[in-house]
Amino acid sequence: GKFKRGAQFLTELAPLCKIYCSDGEEYTMSSCVRGWLMEVNESILHKPSILQEKPSTEGYTAVVLPKFEESKSITEGLLTQKQYEEVVVKSINATTATS
């Protein structure tokens, strides 16, 4: 809601949504940060492929507004683009090695 009116407060472990994959796998996405749920991206319901196709723009799950006093510690703990890509590559390699 406007100015947080009616917005739900989330903890780090609060579930945002469930993702059901065509192979039968199911994933629960958590908030990962404490804050106010400002918006849920309903367009992913109609076109779930944007999660993969446009993750940096239209493929977001939700907008969560953290508490002001916690926002600096949250941003300091984020990965850089390069670090994130390294994590993804390691995950893919680990999955491929066990298959």
N, C-alpha and C. Protein backbone atom coordinates (compact mmCIF):
# COMPACT_ATOMS: atom_id res chain seq x y z
N GLY A 1 0.82 -1.19 0.00
CA GLY A 1 0.00 0.00 0.00
C GLY A 1 0.86 1.25 0.00
N LYS A 2 0.25 2.36 -0.35
CA LYS A 2 0.97 3.62 -0.38
C LYS A 2 1.43 4.00 1.03
N PHE A 3 2.66 4.40 1.17
CA PHE A 3 3.27 4.79 2.44
C PHE A 3 3.22 3.65 3.46
N LYS A 4 3.34 2.41 3.00
CA LYS A 4 3.37 1.21 3.83
C LYS A 4 2.02 0.90 4.47
N ARG A 5 0.99 1.67 4.19
CA ARG A 5 -0.33 1.42 4.76
C ARG A 5 -0.85 0.09 4.25
N GLY A 6 -1.11 -0.83 5.14
CA GLY A 6 -1.63 -2.14 4.74
C GLY A 6 -0.55 -3.11 4.27
N ALA A 7 0.70 -2.67 4.24
CA ALA A 7 1.78 -3.56 3.81
C ALA A 7 2.06 -4.59 4.89
N GLN A 8 2.40 -5.78 4.46
CA GLN A 8 2.71 -6.86 5.39
C GLN A 8 4.20 -6.81 5.75
N PHE A 9 4.50 -6.98 7.04
CA PHE A 9 5.90 -7.02 7.47
C PHE A 9 6.41 -8.46 7.33
N LEU A 10 7.57 -8.60 6.71
CA LEU A 10 8.17 -9.91 6.47
C LEU A 10 9.44 -10.10 7.28
N THR A 11 9.69 -11.31 7.70
CA THR A 11 10.98 -11.66 8.29
C THR A 11 11.84 -12.27 7.19
N GLU A 12 13.10 -12.56 7.51
CA GLU A 12 14.02 -13.12 6.51
C GLU A 12 13.53 -14.45 5.94
N LEU A 13 12.85 -15.24 6.74
CA LEU A 13 12.43 -16.57 6.33
C LEU A 13 10.99 -16.63 5.83
N ALA A 14 10.31 -15.49 5.76
CA ALA A 14 8.92 -15.48 5.31
C ALA A 14 8.83 -15.91 3.85
N PRO A 15 7.96 -16.85 3.54
CA PRO A 15 7.82 -17.29 2.15
C PRO A 15 7.14 -16.21 1.30
N LEU A 16 7.72 -15.95 0.12
CA LEU A 16 7.12 -15.00 -0.82
C LEU A 16 6.23 -15.73 -1.82
N CYS A 17 6.74 -16.86 -2.32
CA CYS A 17 5.98 -17.61 -3.30
C CYS A 17 6.56 -19.01 -3.43
N LYS A 18 5.82 -19.86 -4.14
CA LYS A 18 6.32 -21.20 -4.48
C LYS A 18 6.46 -21.26 -5.99
N ILE A 19 7.53 -21.89 -6.43
CA ILE A 19 7.77 -22.07 -7.86
C ILE A 19 7.65 -23.55 -8.15
N TYR A 20 6.79 -23.88 -9.10
CA TYR A 20 6.59 -25.25 -9.53
C TYR A 20 7.20 -25.41 -10.92
N CYS A 21 8.16 -26.31 -11.05
CA CYS A 21 8.87 -26.53 -12.31
C CYS A 21 8.22 -27.65 -13.11
N SER A 22 8.45 -27.62 -14.42
CA SER A 22 7.85 -28.63 -15.30
C SER A 22 8.37 -30.04 -15.00
N ASP A 23 9.54 -30.15 -14.34
CA ASP A 23 10.08 -31.47 -14.01
C ASP A 23 9.56 -31.99 -12.67
N GLY A 24 8.62 -31.26 -12.07
CA GLY A 24 8.03 -31.68 -10.81
C GLY A 24 8.70 -31.10 -9.57
N GLU A 25 9.84 -30.45 -9.74
CA GLU A 25 10.52 -29.82 -8.60
C GLU A 25 9.70 -28.63 -8.11
N GLU A 26 9.80 -28.38 -6.82
CA GLU A 26 9.06 -27.28 -6.19
C GLU A 26 10.03 -26.51 -5.30
N TYR A 27 10.01 -25.19 -5.41
CA TYR A 27 10.90 -24.34 -4.63
C TYR A 27 10.07 -23.26 -3.92
N THR A 28 10.42 -22.99 -2.67
CA THR A 28 9.80 -21.89 -1.94
C THR A 28 10.81 -20.75 -1.87
N MET A 29 10.42 -19.59 -2.37
CA MET A 29 11.29 -18.42 -2.31
C MET A 29 10.98 -17.64 -1.05
N SER A 30 12.02 -17.36 -0.28
CA SER A 30 11.87 -16.60 0.97
C SER A 30 12.22 -15.14 0.73
N SER A 31 11.78 -14.29 1.63
CA SER A 31 12.05 -12.87 1.54
C SER A 31 13.56 -12.58 1.62
N CYS A 32 14.25 -13.25 2.50
CA CYS A 32 15.70 -13.08 2.73
C CYS A 32 16.07 -11.79 3.45
N VAL A 33 15.15 -10.84 3.55
CA VAL A 33 15.38 -9.61 4.31
C VAL A 33 14.13 -9.28 5.12
N ARG A 34 14.35 -8.59 6.23
CA ARG A 34 13.22 -8.11 7.04
C ARG A 34 12.76 -6.79 6.44
N GLY A 35 11.46 -6.65 6.27
CA GLY A 35 10.96 -5.39 5.74
C GLY A 35 9.50 -5.49 5.36
N TRP A 36 9.01 -4.40 4.76
CA TRP A 36 7.61 -4.30 4.36
C TRP A 36 7.44 -4.78 2.93
N LEU A 37 6.46 -5.67 2.70
CA LEU A 37 6.14 -6.14 1.36
C LEU A 37 5.37 -5.03 0.66
N MET A 38 6.01 -4.39 -0.32
CA MET A 38 5.41 -3.25 -1.00
C MET A 38 4.68 -3.66 -2.28
N GLU A 39 5.21 -4.70 -2.95
CA GLU A 39 4.62 -5.09 -4.23
C GLU A 39 4.98 -6.53 -4.54
N VAL A 40 4.05 -7.23 -5.14
CA VAL A 40 4.29 -8.57 -5.65
C VAL A 40 4.15 -8.48 -7.17
N ASN A 41 5.09 -9.06 -7.89
CA ASN A 41 5.09 -9.01 -9.35
C ASN A 41 4.12 -10.05 -9.90
N GLU A 42 2.91 -9.64 -10.16
CA GLU A 42 1.89 -10.57 -10.66
C GLU A 42 2.12 -10.96 -12.11
N SER A 43 2.94 -10.24 -12.84
CA SER A 43 3.18 -10.58 -14.24
C SER A 43 3.91 -11.92 -14.38
N ILE A 44 4.61 -12.36 -13.32
CA ILE A 44 5.27 -13.67 -13.41
C ILE A 44 4.26 -14.81 -13.38
N LEU A 45 3.04 -14.54 -12.92
CA LEU A 45 1.99 -15.57 -12.96
C LEU A 45 1.58 -15.85 -14.40
N HIS A 46 1.55 -14.81 -15.22
CA HIS A 46 1.13 -14.94 -16.61
C HIS A 46 2.27 -15.33 -17.54
N LYS A 47 3.48 -14.96 -17.16
CA LYS A 47 4.65 -15.28 -17.99
C LYS A 47 5.84 -15.61 -17.08
N PRO A 48 5.86 -16.83 -16.50
CA PRO A 48 6.92 -17.19 -15.56
C PRO A 48 8.33 -17.19 -16.16
N SER A 49 8.42 -17.27 -17.46
CA SER A 49 9.74 -17.30 -18.10
C SER A 49 10.53 -16.01 -17.89
N ILE A 50 9.86 -14.91 -17.53
CA ILE A 50 10.61 -13.66 -17.31
C ILE A 50 11.51 -13.75 -16.08
N LEU A 51 11.26 -14.72 -15.20
CA LEU A 51 12.18 -14.93 -14.07
C LEU A 51 13.58 -15.23 -14.57
N GLN A 52 13.67 -15.99 -15.65
CA GLN A 52 14.97 -16.35 -16.23
C GLN A 52 15.39 -15.37 -17.32
N GLU A 53 14.44 -14.92 -18.12
CA GLU A 53 14.77 -14.07 -19.27
C GLU A 53 15.19 -12.65 -18.86
N LYS A 54 14.55 -12.10 -17.84
CA LYS A 54 14.82 -10.71 -17.44
C LYS A 54 14.92 -10.59 -15.93
N PRO A 55 15.85 -11.33 -15.29
CA PRO A 55 15.93 -11.31 -13.82
C PRO A 55 16.31 -9.95 -13.24
N SER A 56 17.00 -9.11 -13.99
CA SER A 56 17.45 -7.82 -13.47
C SER A 56 16.44 -6.70 -13.66
N THR A 57 15.39 -6.96 -14.46
CA THR A 57 14.41 -5.90 -14.71
C THR A 57 13.00 -6.37 -14.38
N GLU A 58 12.34 -7.01 -15.32
CA GLU A 58 10.94 -7.40 -15.15
C GLU A 58 10.77 -8.70 -14.36
N GLY A 59 11.84 -9.47 -14.17
CA GLY A 59 11.73 -10.79 -13.56
C GLY A 59 11.90 -10.80 -12.05
N TYR A 60 11.53 -9.74 -11.40
CA TYR A 60 11.61 -9.71 -9.93
C TYR A 60 10.40 -10.41 -9.34
N THR A 61 10.53 -10.91 -8.12
CA THR A 61 9.43 -11.58 -7.45
C THR A 61 8.60 -10.59 -6.65
N ALA A 62 9.27 -9.75 -5.88
CA ALA A 62 8.56 -8.80 -5.03
C ALA A 62 9.48 -7.63 -4.70
N VAL A 63 8.86 -6.56 -4.23
CA VAL A 63 9.60 -5.40 -3.73
C VAL A 63 9.41 -5.37 -2.22
N VAL A 64 10.53 -5.46 -1.51
CA VAL A 64 10.51 -5.45 -0.05
C VAL A 64 11.30 -4.22 0.42
N LEU A 65 10.66 -3.40 1.23
CA LEU A 65 11.31 -2.20 1.75
C LEU A 65 11.83 -2.51 3.15
N PRO A 66 13.16 -2.60 3.30
CA PRO A 66 13.71 -2.91 4.62
C PRO A 66 13.59 -1.71 5.55
N LYS A 67 13.73 -1.99 6.84
CA LYS A 67 13.77 -0.91 7.81
C LYS A 67 14.99 -0.05 7.50
N PHE A 68 14.84 1.27 7.60
CA PHE A 68 15.92 2.18 7.23
C PHE A 68 17.22 1.85 7.96
N GLU A 69 17.11 1.60 9.27
CA GLU A 69 18.32 1.35 10.06
C GLU A 69 19.00 0.02 9.71
N GLU A 70 18.30 -0.87 9.03
CA GLU A 70 18.88 -2.15 8.64
C GLU A 70 19.36 -2.17 7.19
N SER A 71 18.99 -1.16 6.40
CA SER A 71 19.27 -1.18 4.97
C SER A 71 20.76 -1.19 4.65
N LYS A 72 21.58 -0.49 5.41
CA LYS A 72 23.02 -0.47 5.13
C LYS A 72 23.64 -1.84 5.35
N SER A 73 23.30 -2.51 6.44
CA SER A 73 23.87 -3.84 6.69
C SER A 73 23.39 -4.85 5.65
N ILE A 74 22.18 -4.66 5.13
CA ILE A 74 21.66 -5.56 4.10
C ILE A 74 22.46 -5.39 2.81
N THR A 75 22.65 -4.15 2.38
CA THR A 75 23.35 -3.92 1.12
C THR A 75 24.82 -4.31 1.21
N GLU A 76 25.43 -4.18 2.38
CA GLU A 76 26.83 -4.57 2.54
C GLU A 76 27.01 -6.08 2.39
N GLY A 77 25.97 -6.85 2.68
CA GLY A 77 26.05 -8.30 2.60
C GLY A 77 25.71 -8.88 1.24
N LEU A 78 25.34 -8.02 0.27
CA LEU A 78 24.98 -8.51 -1.05
C LEU A 78 26.21 -8.91 -1.87
N LEU A 79 26.00 -9.85 -2.79
CA LEU A 79 27.06 -10.27 -3.69
C LEU A 79 27.18 -9.28 -4.84
N THR A 80 28.39 -9.15 -5.39
CA THR A 80 28.56 -8.39 -6.62
C THR A 80 28.06 -9.26 -7.76
N GLN A 81 27.90 -8.68 -8.94
CA GLN A 81 27.46 -9.45 -10.11
C GLN A 81 28.44 -10.60 -10.38
N LYS A 82 29.73 -10.33 -10.29
CA LYS A 82 30.75 -11.35 -10.54
C LYS A 82 30.65 -12.48 -9.51
N GLN A 83 30.50 -12.14 -8.23
CA GLN A 83 30.38 -13.16 -7.18
C GLN A 83 29.13 -14.01 -7.40
N TYR A 84 28.02 -13.37 -7.78
CA TYR A 84 26.79 -14.11 -8.04
C TYR A 84 26.98 -15.09 -9.20
N GLU A 85 27.60 -14.63 -10.27
CA GLU A 85 27.84 -15.51 -11.43
C GLU A 85 28.71 -16.69 -11.04
N GLU A 86 29.71 -16.47 -10.18
CA GLU A 86 30.57 -17.57 -9.72
C GLU A 86 29.77 -18.59 -8.92
N VAL A 87 28.84 -18.12 -8.08
CA VAL A 87 28.00 -19.03 -7.30
C VAL A 87 27.12 -19.86 -8.23
N VAL A 88 26.55 -19.22 -9.24
CA VAL A 88 25.69 -19.92 -10.19
C VAL A 88 26.48 -20.98 -10.95
N VAL A 89 27.67 -20.64 -11.41
CA VAL A 89 28.50 -21.60 -12.14
C VAL A 89 28.86 -22.78 -11.25
N LYS A 90 29.23 -22.53 -10.00
CA LYS A 90 29.56 -23.62 -9.07
C LYS A 90 28.36 -24.51 -8.85
N SER A 91 27.18 -23.92 -8.71
CA SER A 91 25.96 -24.69 -8.51
C SER A 91 25.64 -25.57 -9.71
N ILE A 92 25.80 -25.01 -10.89
CA ILE A 92 25.56 -25.78 -12.13
C ILE A 92 26.56 -26.92 -12.22
N ASN A 93 27.83 -26.63 -11.95
CA ASN A 93 28.87 -27.66 -12.01
C ASN A 93 28.61 -28.77 -10.99
N ALA A 94 28.18 -28.41 -9.78
CA ALA A 94 27.89 -29.40 -8.75
C ALA A 94 26.70 -30.28 -9.16
N THR A 95 25.69 -29.66 -9.75
CA THR A 95 24.51 -30.41 -10.20
C THR A 95 24.89 -31.35 -11.34
N THR A 96 25.70 -30.87 -12.26
CA THR A 96 26.13 -31.68 -13.40
C THR A 96 27.00 -32.86 -12.94
N ALA A 97 27.84 -32.62 -11.97
CA ALA A 97 28.75 -33.68 -11.46
C ALA A 97 27.99 -34.80 -10.76
N THR A 98 26.88 -34.48 -10.13
CA THR A 98 26.13 -35.51 -9.39
C THR A 98 25.12 -36.23 -10.28
N SER A 99 24.89 -35.73 -11.49
CA SER A 99 23.90 -36.35 -12.39
C SER A 99 24.47 -37.54 -13.11
